[in-house]
Amino acid sequence: MAGSRALACWVLTLWGVSGEFEGLASEGVQGVKSPRDGTTDAQVDNHLISVMSSSPCGHHLHALTWGSLYLALQGPCLSAYPLSRKSVIQLDLANTKKAMIVPAFETLRYRLSFPKSKAELLSMLDMGTLFTFRYHVWTKGHAPTNFAKWRTATTPYRVEWEADFEPYVVVRRDCPEYDRRFVGFGWNKVAHIMELDAQEYEFIVLPNAYMIHMPHAPSFDITKFRSNKQYRICLKTLKEEFQQDMSRRYGFAALKYLTAENNS
């Protein structure tokens, strides 16, 4: 198990998924961040890339599990590595502070014929087979990705940080770690993206990459968040502590995060 080798981040690790992806490690790329949902996916079709996700434990190591996300970097598996490698090289990801955003979508269907191209995905989106991620419950998390622009984009484009932004990103191995306090439901990705922004990472949306979240039963932690008032109080306290730490580390520059949070 590669847990001890992984960064203290939730990531789609490229180790062990497919031999053709191993070269990305030499480019200094860790993968696409993904929260653990606590479920096991059905067997993936041969053209799918199953996203492996990780979850921090007490010692902040990682146990890799199958997550509930499917990733495609321009359709079939065979074309995925060349595209991702090309993006890494073109954007100079290994030598610059950039986070490549993989636009996220979701389906409410338990069985889905995975789109083999962006054009097919857009057709499914228009038909209502797919939705932008969390469209029905929390659009703010991925709104800055600018899905309207992505529909016609042919080249990577930059987006700015906004409050509650929590995209799935491909980052360098030496990216800031996930904050150890957010080990359950809530604010793990939000806090990490905020930290990346504070360290002046650029957020670049990939025009021909996409992932699809599959439906699954609620995780233990989200169930506790919804039903336990003390859980929500604890999360609020941790968020406030994190904001204070951001202010200490980044000074005046961190004011925008507090202001945005108060206005969200």
Foldseek 3Di string as FASTA:
>chain_A
DCQVVAFLFKFQAQPPQDPLQVVVVVLQKGHWGDDAQPDAADDDPQFWRFGWTWAQDPVSTTDIDGGQKIKDQQAGPVVRRVSVVVVCVVVVQSPAQAWEFAFEKEAADSDDDDDRWLVSVVVCCVVRRMGGPCVPHPCPQDVQLPVVCLSPDPAKDWTDDAQNHQTITIHGRPQDHFDPVPRADDDRRRLSVLVSVLVPHIYIYGSIIHMYGYDDDGGPRVVCVVPPPVSVVSNVVVVVVSLVVCCVVRPPVSVVRVVRVVVD
